[in-house]
Amino acid sequence: MIVVSNSSPLIALAKIDAFFLLQKIYSELFIPTEVYNEVVIGGAGLAGAIETSESQWIHVRPIKNAVDLTASQARFGLGAGELSTLILAKELRADLIILDDLRARKLAQREGFRVQGCIAILEASFRKGYLSDLRQAYDQMTKRGVYLNRELINLSLQSFNLPVL
């Protein structure tokens, strides 16, 4: 399965020491150079930088047509990370894109991609036994500045018969 990720899930999961869940769930990820630069170079010393740069299972790929990126930024008003993730996913014919930004998710879905974000990753990890406390993971993320829609969090917790936040 070919999975392409944007920066936000890498950073968010690293903030709660759950970066390892990405490899457990997907075994390997592809990220565009723009995402690598955002997380590792621009985010040096921050959550996700070391984890991303040292992970042998993350493959950095440049997008083939930088003109597509520039044109897409002007057209859709999204950041280079989100758009390069979508472009790389098209180029690799990805099975899944990992994105949290709502506008980017909607665009990816319009393009026919299956999309997951941090909530789906944490749910899958909990279901498979890689994560013992889903509620605590959500709580830690929100306390560490990761935006997660409270309504979606509570729906997720209810689906597992767990107390809402």
N, C-alpha and C. Protein backbone atom coordinates (compact mmCIF):
# COMPACT_ATOMS: atom_id res chain seq x y z
N MET A 1 0.85 -1.18 0.00
CA MET A 1 0.00 0.00 0.00
C MET A 1 0.89 1.24 0.00
N ILE A 2 0.60 2.18 -0.87
CA ILE A 2 1.36 3.42 -0.97
C ILE A 2 0.63 4.50 -0.18
N VAL A 3 1.34 5.04 0.82
CA VAL A 3 0.77 6.04 1.71
C VAL A 3 1.67 7.28 1.67
N VAL A 4 1.05 8.43 1.42
CA VAL A 4 1.76 9.71 1.38
C VAL A 4 1.26 10.57 2.53
N SER A 5 2.20 11.17 3.27
CA SER A 5 1.82 11.96 4.44
C SER A 5 2.23 13.42 4.30
N ASN A 6 1.43 14.26 4.90
CA ASN A 6 1.74 15.67 5.08
C ASN A 6 2.47 15.81 6.42
N SER A 7 2.89 17.01 6.73
CA SER A 7 3.68 17.25 7.95
C SER A 7 2.88 17.17 9.25
N SER A 8 1.63 17.63 9.25
CA SER A 8 0.90 17.74 10.52
C SER A 8 0.77 16.42 11.28
N PRO A 9 0.47 15.29 10.64
CA PRO A 9 0.41 14.04 11.42
C PRO A 9 1.78 13.64 11.99
N LEU A 10 2.84 13.90 11.25
CA LEU A 10 4.18 13.58 11.74
C LEU A 10 4.48 14.37 13.01
N ILE A 11 4.19 15.65 12.96
CA ILE A 11 4.45 16.54 14.09
C ILE A 11 3.53 16.22 15.27
N ALA A 12 2.24 16.07 14.99
CA ALA A 12 1.26 15.83 16.06
C ALA A 12 1.55 14.55 16.82
N LEU A 13 1.85 13.48 16.10
CA LEU A 13 2.12 12.21 16.78
C LEU A 13 3.44 12.26 17.54
N ALA A 14 4.41 12.98 17.01
CA ALA A 14 5.68 13.14 17.73
C ALA A 14 5.47 13.91 19.03
N LYS A 15 4.56 14.87 19.04
CA LYS A 15 4.29 15.67 20.24
C LYS A 15 3.81 14.82 21.42
N ILE A 16 3.21 13.68 21.13
CA ILE A 16 2.73 12.82 22.22
C ILE A 16 3.52 11.51 22.29
N ASP A 17 4.73 11.52 21.73
CA ASP A 17 5.59 10.33 21.72
C ASP A 17 4.91 9.12 21.10
N ALA A 18 4.13 9.36 20.05
CA ALA A 18 3.42 8.27 19.37
C ALA A 18 3.78 8.18 17.89
N PHE A 19 4.90 8.75 17.52
CA PHE A 19 5.36 8.74 16.13
C PHE A 19 5.49 7.30 15.60
N PHE A 20 5.91 6.40 16.48
CA PHE A 20 6.11 5.00 16.12
C PHE A 20 4.84 4.34 15.57
N LEU A 21 3.67 4.90 15.93
CA LEU A 21 2.41 4.32 15.46
C LEU A 21 2.29 4.36 13.94
N LEU A 22 2.89 5.37 13.33
CA LEU A 22 2.83 5.47 11.87
C LEU A 22 3.45 4.24 11.21
N GLN A 23 4.60 3.81 11.71
CA GLN A 23 5.24 2.62 11.14
C GLN A 23 4.44 1.36 11.46
N LYS A 24 3.89 1.30 12.66
CA LYS A 24 3.09 0.13 13.04
C LYS A 24 1.88 -0.02 12.13
N ILE A 25 1.22 1.08 11.80
CA ILE A 25 0.00 1.04 11.01
C ILE A 25 0.30 0.92 9.51
N TYR A 26 1.28 1.66 9.01
CA TYR A 26 1.50 1.73 7.56
C TYR A 26 2.77 1.06 7.06
N SER A 27 3.70 0.72 7.89
CA SER A 27 5.00 0.11 7.60
C SER A 27 5.96 1.02 6.83
N GLU A 28 5.46 1.81 5.87
CA GLU A 28 6.31 2.80 5.23
C GLU A 28 5.46 3.97 4.74
N LEU A 29 6.09 5.14 4.69
CA LEU A 29 5.43 6.35 4.24
C LEU A 29 6.28 7.04 3.19
N PHE A 30 5.62 7.78 2.32
CA PHE A 30 6.30 8.65 1.38
C PHE A 30 5.93 10.08 1.75
N ILE A 31 6.92 10.95 1.70
CA ILE A 31 6.65 12.37 1.92
C ILE A 31 7.37 13.15 0.83
N PRO A 32 6.75 14.26 0.38
CA PRO A 32 7.44 15.09 -0.59
C PRO A 32 8.57 15.88 0.08
N THR A 33 9.51 16.32 -0.72
CA THR A 33 10.64 17.10 -0.21
C THR A 33 10.17 18.31 0.58
N GLU A 34 9.09 18.94 0.14
CA GLU A 34 8.56 20.12 0.84
C GLU A 34 8.15 19.79 2.27
N VAL A 35 7.57 18.63 2.48
CA VAL A 35 7.18 18.21 3.83
C VAL A 35 8.43 17.92 4.66
N TYR A 36 9.40 17.24 4.07
CA TYR A 36 10.66 16.99 4.77
C TYR A 36 11.29 18.31 5.22
N ASN A 37 11.36 19.26 4.30
CA ASN A 37 11.96 20.56 4.62
C ASN A 37 11.19 21.28 5.73
N GLU A 38 9.87 21.19 5.70
CA GLU A 38 9.04 21.83 6.71
C GLU A 38 9.26 21.21 8.09
N VAL A 39 9.28 19.89 8.14
CA VAL A 39 9.39 19.20 9.43
C VAL A 39 10.82 19.16 9.94
N VAL A 40 11.76 18.80 9.09
CA VAL A 40 13.14 18.55 9.52
C VAL A 40 14.00 19.81 9.49
N ILE A 41 13.96 20.55 8.39
CA ILE A 41 14.82 21.73 8.25
C ILE A 41 14.19 22.92 8.99
N GLY A 42 12.99 23.31 8.58
CA GLY A 42 12.31 24.44 9.22
C GLY A 42 11.93 24.17 10.66
N GLY A 43 11.68 22.91 10.98
CA GLY A 43 11.27 22.53 12.33
C GLY A 43 12.39 21.94 13.16
N ALA A 44 13.63 22.20 12.79
CA ALA A 44 14.77 21.65 13.53
C ALA A 44 14.62 21.95 15.02
N GLY A 45 14.77 20.90 15.83
CA GLY A 45 14.65 21.05 17.27
C GLY A 45 13.22 20.92 17.79
N LEU A 46 12.26 20.83 16.87
CA LEU A 46 10.86 20.72 17.27
C LEU A 46 10.36 19.28 17.10
N ALA A 47 9.18 19.03 17.61
CA ALA A 47 8.59 17.69 17.53
C ALA A 47 8.50 17.22 16.08
N GLY A 48 8.95 16.01 15.86
CA GLY A 48 8.86 15.38 14.55
C GLY A 48 10.12 15.48 13.71
N ALA A 49 10.98 16.44 13.99
CA ALA A 49 12.17 16.66 13.16
C ALA A 49 13.13 15.47 13.20
N ILE A 50 13.55 15.10 14.38
CA ILE A 50 14.49 13.98 14.51
C ILE A 50 13.84 12.67 14.09
N GLU A 51 12.61 12.47 14.53
CA GLU A 51 11.89 11.24 14.21
C GLU A 51 11.78 11.05 12.70
N THR A 52 11.45 12.12 11.99
CA THR A 52 11.30 12.04 10.53
C THR A 52 12.64 11.81 9.86
N SER A 53 13.64 12.56 10.27
CA SER A 53 14.95 12.45 9.60
C SER A 53 15.63 11.10 9.85
N GLU A 54 15.35 10.47 10.98
CA GLU A 54 16.01 9.20 11.31
C GLU A 54 15.22 7.95 10.96
N SER A 55 14.03 8.12 10.43
CA SER A 55 13.18 6.97 10.13
C SER A 55 13.47 6.40 8.75
N GLN A 56 14.03 5.20 8.74
CA GLN A 56 14.36 4.52 7.48
C GLN A 56 13.13 4.15 6.67
N TRP A 57 11.98 4.09 7.30
CA TRP A 57 10.74 3.69 6.66
C TRP A 57 9.99 4.88 6.04
N ILE A 58 10.55 6.08 6.19
CA ILE A 58 9.99 7.26 5.54
C ILE A 58 10.86 7.57 4.33
N HIS A 59 10.22 7.62 3.17
CA HIS A 59 10.93 7.85 1.91
C HIS A 59 10.59 9.25 1.38
N VAL A 60 11.62 10.07 1.23
CA VAL A 60 11.44 11.43 0.74
C VAL A 60 11.53 11.42 -0.78
N ARG A 61 10.54 12.01 -1.44
CA ARG A 61 10.49 12.05 -2.90
C ARG A 61 10.20 13.48 -3.38
N PRO A 62 11.00 13.97 -4.29
CA PRO A 62 10.66 15.27 -4.89
C PRO A 62 9.49 15.10 -5.85
N ILE A 63 8.66 16.12 -5.93
CA ILE A 63 7.60 16.06 -6.93
C ILE A 63 8.24 16.33 -8.29
N LYS A 64 7.68 15.74 -9.31
CA LYS A 64 8.29 15.81 -10.64
C LYS A 64 8.06 17.16 -11.32
N ASN A 65 6.95 17.81 -11.01
CA ASN A 65 6.62 19.04 -11.72
C ASN A 65 6.36 20.17 -10.73
N ALA A 66 7.39 20.97 -10.48
CA ALA A 66 7.26 22.09 -9.54
C ALA A 66 6.27 23.13 -10.04
N VAL A 67 6.06 23.20 -11.34
CA VAL A 67 5.10 24.15 -11.90
C VAL A 67 3.70 23.82 -11.39
N ASP A 68 3.39 22.52 -11.26
CA ASP A 68 2.10 22.11 -10.70
C ASP A 68 1.90 22.67 -9.29
N LEU A 69 2.96 22.67 -8.51
CA LEU A 69 2.88 23.16 -7.14
C LEU A 69 2.56 24.65 -7.12
N THR A 70 3.28 25.43 -7.91
CA THR A 70 3.06 26.87 -7.96
C THR A 70 1.65 27.19 -8.45
N ALA A 71 1.23 26.51 -9.50
CA ALA A 71 -0.11 26.74 -10.05
C ALA A 71 -1.18 26.33 -9.04
N SER A 72 -0.96 25.23 -8.34
CA SER A 72 -1.94 24.75 -7.36
C SER A 72 -2.04 25.68 -6.16
N GLN A 73 -0.90 26.25 -5.74
CA GLN A 73 -0.94 27.19 -4.62
C GLN A 73 -1.79 28.40 -4.97
N ALA A 74 -1.62 28.91 -6.16
CA ALA A 74 -2.40 30.06 -6.59
C ALA A 74 -3.88 29.69 -6.72
N ARG A 75 -4.15 28.49 -7.19
CA ARG A 75 -5.53 28.06 -7.44
C ARG A 75 -6.29 27.70 -6.16
N PHE A 76 -5.63 26.97 -5.25
CA PHE A 76 -6.34 26.44 -4.08
C PHE A 76 -6.05 27.16 -2.77
N GLY A 77 -5.00 27.96 -2.72
CA GLY A 77 -4.70 28.70 -1.51
C GLY A 77 -4.25 27.85 -0.34
N LEU A 78 -3.68 26.70 -0.62
CA LEU A 78 -3.15 25.83 0.43
C LEU A 78 -1.63 25.98 0.47
N GLY A 79 -1.03 25.47 1.54
CA GLY A 79 0.41 25.55 1.69
C GLY A 79 1.15 24.57 0.80
N ALA A 80 2.45 24.80 0.66
CA ALA A 80 3.30 23.95 -0.18
C ALA A 80 3.30 22.51 0.32
N GLY A 81 3.25 22.32 1.63
CA GLY A 81 3.26 20.97 2.18
C GLY A 81 2.03 20.18 1.79
N GLU A 82 0.87 20.76 1.99
CA GLU A 82 -0.38 20.07 1.64
C GLU A 82 -0.45 19.78 0.14
N LEU A 83 -0.15 20.79 -0.66
CA LEU A 83 -0.27 20.61 -2.12
C LEU A 83 0.77 19.65 -2.68
N SER A 84 1.99 19.72 -2.17
CA SER A 84 3.01 18.78 -2.67
C SER A 84 2.66 17.36 -2.25
N THR A 85 2.00 17.20 -1.11
CA THR A 85 1.53 15.88 -0.68
C THR A 85 0.51 15.35 -1.67
N LEU A 86 -0.42 16.20 -2.09
CA LEU A 86 -1.43 15.78 -3.07
C LEU A 86 -0.79 15.47 -4.43
N ILE A 87 0.14 16.29 -4.85
CA ILE A 87 0.80 16.07 -6.14
C ILE A 87 1.60 14.77 -6.11
N LEU A 88 2.36 14.55 -5.03
CA LEU A 88 3.13 13.31 -4.92
C LEU A 88 2.21 12.10 -4.89
N ALA A 89 1.10 12.22 -4.19
CA ALA A 89 0.14 11.12 -4.13
C ALA A 89 -0.36 10.78 -5.53
N LYS A 90 -0.62 11.79 -6.35
CA LYS A 90 -1.04 11.55 -7.74
C LYS A 90 0.08 10.85 -8.52
N GLU A 91 1.30 11.37 -8.37
CA GLU A 91 2.43 10.81 -9.11
C GLU A 91 2.70 9.35 -8.74
N LEU A 92 2.54 9.02 -7.46
CA LEU A 92 2.81 7.66 -6.99
C LEU A 92 1.58 6.75 -7.07
N ARG A 93 0.44 7.35 -7.44
CA ARG A 93 -0.85 6.63 -7.43
C ARG A 93 -1.09 6.02 -6.05
N ALA A 94 -1.01 6.87 -5.06
CA ALA A 94 -1.13 6.46 -3.66
C ALA A 94 -2.51 5.87 -3.36
N ASP A 95 -2.50 4.94 -2.41
CA ASP A 95 -3.74 4.34 -1.92
C ASP A 95 -4.37 5.18 -0.82
N LEU A 96 -3.54 5.99 -0.15
CA LEU A 96 -3.99 6.74 1.02
C LEU A 96 -3.14 7.99 1.19
N ILE A 97 -3.80 9.07 1.60
CA ILE A 97 -3.09 10.30 1.98
C ILE A 97 -3.40 10.57 3.44
N ILE A 98 -2.36 10.92 4.20
CA ILE A 98 -2.53 11.28 5.60
C ILE A 98 -2.46 12.80 5.70
N LEU A 99 -3.58 13.41 6.04
CA LEU A 99 -3.72 14.87 6.12
C LEU A 99 -4.65 15.21 7.27
N ASP A 100 -4.41 16.33 7.92
CA ASP A 100 -5.34 16.80 8.95
C ASP A 100 -6.07 18.07 8.54
N ASP A 101 -5.46 18.90 7.70
CA ASP A 101 -6.07 20.15 7.28
C ASP A 101 -7.38 19.88 6.53
N LEU A 102 -8.47 20.47 6.99
CA LEU A 102 -9.79 20.19 6.43
C LEU A 102 -9.89 20.55 4.95
N ARG A 103 -9.40 21.72 4.56
CA ARG A 103 -9.48 22.11 3.14
C ARG A 103 -8.67 21.16 2.27
N ALA A 104 -7.50 20.77 2.73
CA ALA A 104 -6.66 19.84 1.97
C ALA A 104 -7.32 18.46 1.89
N ARG A 105 -7.95 18.05 2.97
CA ARG A 105 -8.65 16.76 2.99
C ARG A 105 -9.80 16.75 1.96
N LYS A 106 -10.57 17.83 1.94
CA LYS A 106 -11.68 17.92 1.00
C LYS A 106 -11.18 17.89 -0.44
N LEU A 107 -10.10 18.59 -0.72
CA LEU A 107 -9.52 18.59 -2.06
C LEU A 107 -9.04 17.18 -2.43
N ALA A 108 -8.35 16.52 -1.52
CA ALA A 108 -7.87 15.16 -1.77
C ALA A 108 -9.03 14.21 -2.05
N GLN A 109 -10.10 14.35 -1.29
CA GLN A 109 -11.28 13.50 -1.50
C GLN A 109 -11.94 13.80 -2.85
N ARG A 110 -12.00 15.07 -3.23
CA ARG A 110 -12.53 15.42 -4.55
C ARG A 110 -11.69 14.82 -5.67
N GLU A 111 -10.38 14.67 -5.39
CA GLU A 111 -9.46 14.08 -6.37
C GLU A 111 -9.55 12.55 -6.37
N GLY A 112 -10.38 12.00 -5.48
CA GLY A 112 -10.60 10.56 -5.45
C GLY A 112 -9.72 9.78 -4.49
N PHE A 113 -9.02 10.49 -3.62
CA PHE A 113 -8.14 9.80 -2.67
C PHE A 113 -8.86 9.44 -1.39
N ARG A 114 -8.43 8.33 -0.81
CA ARG A 114 -8.83 7.96 0.55
C ARG A 114 -7.93 8.77 1.48
N VAL A 115 -8.53 9.37 2.50
CA VAL A 115 -7.80 10.27 3.38
C VAL A 115 -8.01 9.86 4.83
N GLN A 116 -6.93 9.92 5.61
CA GLN A 116 -7.02 9.71 7.05
C GLN A 116 -6.21 10.80 7.73
N GLY A 117 -6.55 11.04 8.99
CA GLY A 117 -5.82 12.00 9.80
C GLY A 117 -5.42 11.37 11.12
N CYS A 118 -5.02 12.21 12.03
CA CYS A 118 -4.54 11.72 13.34
C CYS A 118 -5.59 10.91 14.08
N ILE A 119 -6.85 11.32 14.00
CA ILE A 119 -7.89 10.58 14.72
C ILE A 119 -7.98 9.15 14.21
N ALA A 120 -7.97 8.97 12.89
CA ALA A 120 -8.04 7.61 12.32
C ALA A 120 -6.80 6.79 12.69
N ILE A 121 -5.65 7.43 12.72
CA ILE A 121 -4.41 6.72 13.08
C ILE A 121 -4.49 6.25 14.53
N LEU A 122 -4.93 7.13 15.41
CA LEU A 122 -5.05 6.77 16.82
C LEU A 122 -6.11 5.70 17.04
N GLU A 123 -7.23 5.80 16.33
CA GLU A 123 -8.26 4.77 16.44
C GLU A 123 -7.74 3.41 15.99
N ALA A 124 -7.06 3.37 14.86
CA ALA A 124 -6.52 2.10 14.35
C ALA A 124 -5.48 1.54 15.32
N SER A 125 -4.68 2.41 15.88
CA SER A 125 -3.65 1.97 16.83
C SER A 125 -4.29 1.41 18.10
N PHE A 126 -5.34 2.03 18.54
CA PHE A 126 -6.07 1.56 19.72
C PHE A 126 -6.73 0.20 19.42
N ARG A 127 -7.37 0.11 18.27
CA ARG A 127 -8.05 -1.13 17.86
C ARG A 127 -7.06 -2.29 17.78
N LYS A 128 -5.85 -2.03 17.31
CA LYS A 128 -4.85 -3.09 17.13
C LYS A 128 -4.02 -3.34 18.39
N GLY A 129 -4.25 -2.55 19.43
CA GLY A 129 -3.54 -2.76 20.69
C GLY A 129 -2.18 -2.08 20.77
N TYR A 130 -1.86 -1.20 19.82
CA TYR A 130 -0.59 -0.46 19.86
C TYR A 130 -0.67 0.74 20.79
N LEU A 131 -1.88 1.16 21.09
CA LEU A 131 -2.14 2.31 21.93
C LEU A 131 -3.11 1.86 23.02
N SER A 132 -2.70 2.03 24.28
CA SER A 132 -3.53 1.49 25.37
C SER A 132 -4.62 2.46 25.84
N ASP A 133 -4.42 3.77 25.65
CA ASP A 133 -5.38 4.73 26.18
C ASP A 133 -5.69 5.81 25.14
N LEU A 134 -6.73 5.59 24.37
CA LEU A 134 -7.12 6.50 23.31
C LEU A 134 -7.52 7.87 23.87
N ARG A 135 -8.27 7.87 24.92
CA ARG A 135 -8.72 9.12 25.52
C ARG A 135 -7.53 9.97 25.97
N GLN A 136 -6.56 9.34 26.58
CA GLN A 136 -5.37 10.06 27.04
C GLN A 136 -4.59 10.62 25.84
N ALA A 137 -4.52 9.87 24.75
CA ALA A 137 -3.82 10.35 23.55
C ALA A 137 -4.47 11.62 23.02
N TYR A 138 -5.80 11.63 22.94
CA TYR A 138 -6.51 12.83 22.49
C TYR A 138 -6.26 13.99 23.45
N ASP A 139 -6.33 13.71 24.73
CA ASP A 139 -6.14 14.74 25.74
C ASP A 139 -4.73 15.33 25.64
N GLN A 140 -3.73 14.47 25.48
CA GLN A 140 -2.34 14.94 25.35
C GLN A 140 -2.18 15.81 24.11
N MET A 141 -2.77 15.38 23.01
CA MET A 141 -2.65 16.17 21.78
C MET A 141 -3.22 17.57 21.97
N THR A 142 -4.41 17.65 22.52
CA THR A 142 -5.02 18.97 22.68
C THR A 142 -4.23 19.83 23.67
N LYS A 143 -3.69 19.22 24.70
CA LYS A 143 -2.89 19.97 25.68
C LYS A 143 -1.56 20.42 25.10
N ARG A 144 -1.09 19.75 24.07
CA ARG A 144 0.20 20.11 23.45
C ARG A 144 0.02 20.94 22.18
N GLY A 145 -1.18 21.50 22.04
CA GLY A 145 -1.40 22.46 20.97
C GLY A 145 -1.81 21.90 19.62
N VAL A 146 -2.16 20.63 19.56
CA VAL A 146 -2.63 20.04 18.31
C VAL A 146 -4.13 20.25 18.24
N TYR A 147 -4.59 20.88 17.15
CA TYR A 147 -6.03 21.09 17.02
C TYR A 147 -6.69 19.81 16.55
N LEU A 148 -7.63 19.33 17.32
CA LEU A 148 -8.50 18.23 16.93
C LEU A 148 -9.92 18.68 17.22
N ASN A 149 -10.80 18.45 16.30
CA ASN A 149 -12.19 18.82 16.45
C ASN A 149 -12.79 18.06 17.64
N ARG A 150 -13.24 18.80 18.64
CA ARG A 150 -13.77 18.19 19.87
C ARG A 150 -14.94 17.25 19.57
N GLU A 151 -15.79 17.64 18.66
CA GLU A 151 -16.94 16.80 18.31
C GLU A 151 -16.48 15.46 17.72
N LEU A 152 -15.47 15.51 16.84
CA LEU A 152 -14.95 14.27 16.25
C LEU A 152 -14.26 13.39 17.29
N ILE A 153 -13.54 14.03 18.19
CA ILE A 153 -12.89 13.28 19.28
C ILE A 153 -13.94 12.54 20.10
N ASN A 154 -14.98 13.25 20.47
CA ASN A 154 -16.01 12.64 21.31
C ASN A 154 -16.78 11.55 20.58
N LEU A 155 -17.03 11.73 19.28
CA LEU A 155 -17.65 10.66 18.49
C LEU A 155 -16.75 9.43 18.46
N SER A 156 -15.47 9.66 18.31
CA SER A 156 -14.51 8.56 18.31
C SER A 156 -14.54 7.82 19.64
N LEU A 157 -14.47 8.58 20.73
CA LEU A 157 -14.48 7.96 22.06
C LEU A 157 -15.77 7.19 22.30
N GLN A 158 -16.89 7.76 21.89
CA GLN A 158 -18.19 7.09 22.05
C GLN A 158 -18.23 5.78 21.26
N SER A 159 -17.61 5.77 20.09
CA SER A 159 -17.62 4.54 19.27
C SER A 159 -16.89 3.38 19.95
N PHE A 160 -16.00 3.73 20.89
CA PHE A 160 -15.29 2.69 21.65
C PHE A 160 -15.85 2.56 23.08
N ASN A 161 -17.01 3.19 23.31
CA ASN A 161 -17.64 3.18 24.64
C ASN A 161 -16.73 3.73 25.72
N LEU A 162 -16.02 4.82 25.38
CA LEU A 162 -15.12 5.48 26.32
C LEU A 162 -15.73 6.82 26.72
N PRO A 163 -15.41 7.32 27.92
CA PRO A 163 -15.95 8.62 28.34
C PRO A 163 -15.44 9.75 27.43
N VAL A 164 -16.30 10.68 27.13
CA VAL A 164 -15.93 11.81 26.27
C VAL A 164 -15.07 12.80 27.03
N LEU A 165 -14.41 13.67 26.27
CA LEU A 165 -13.57 14.70 26.90
C LEU A 165 -14.39 15.94 27.20
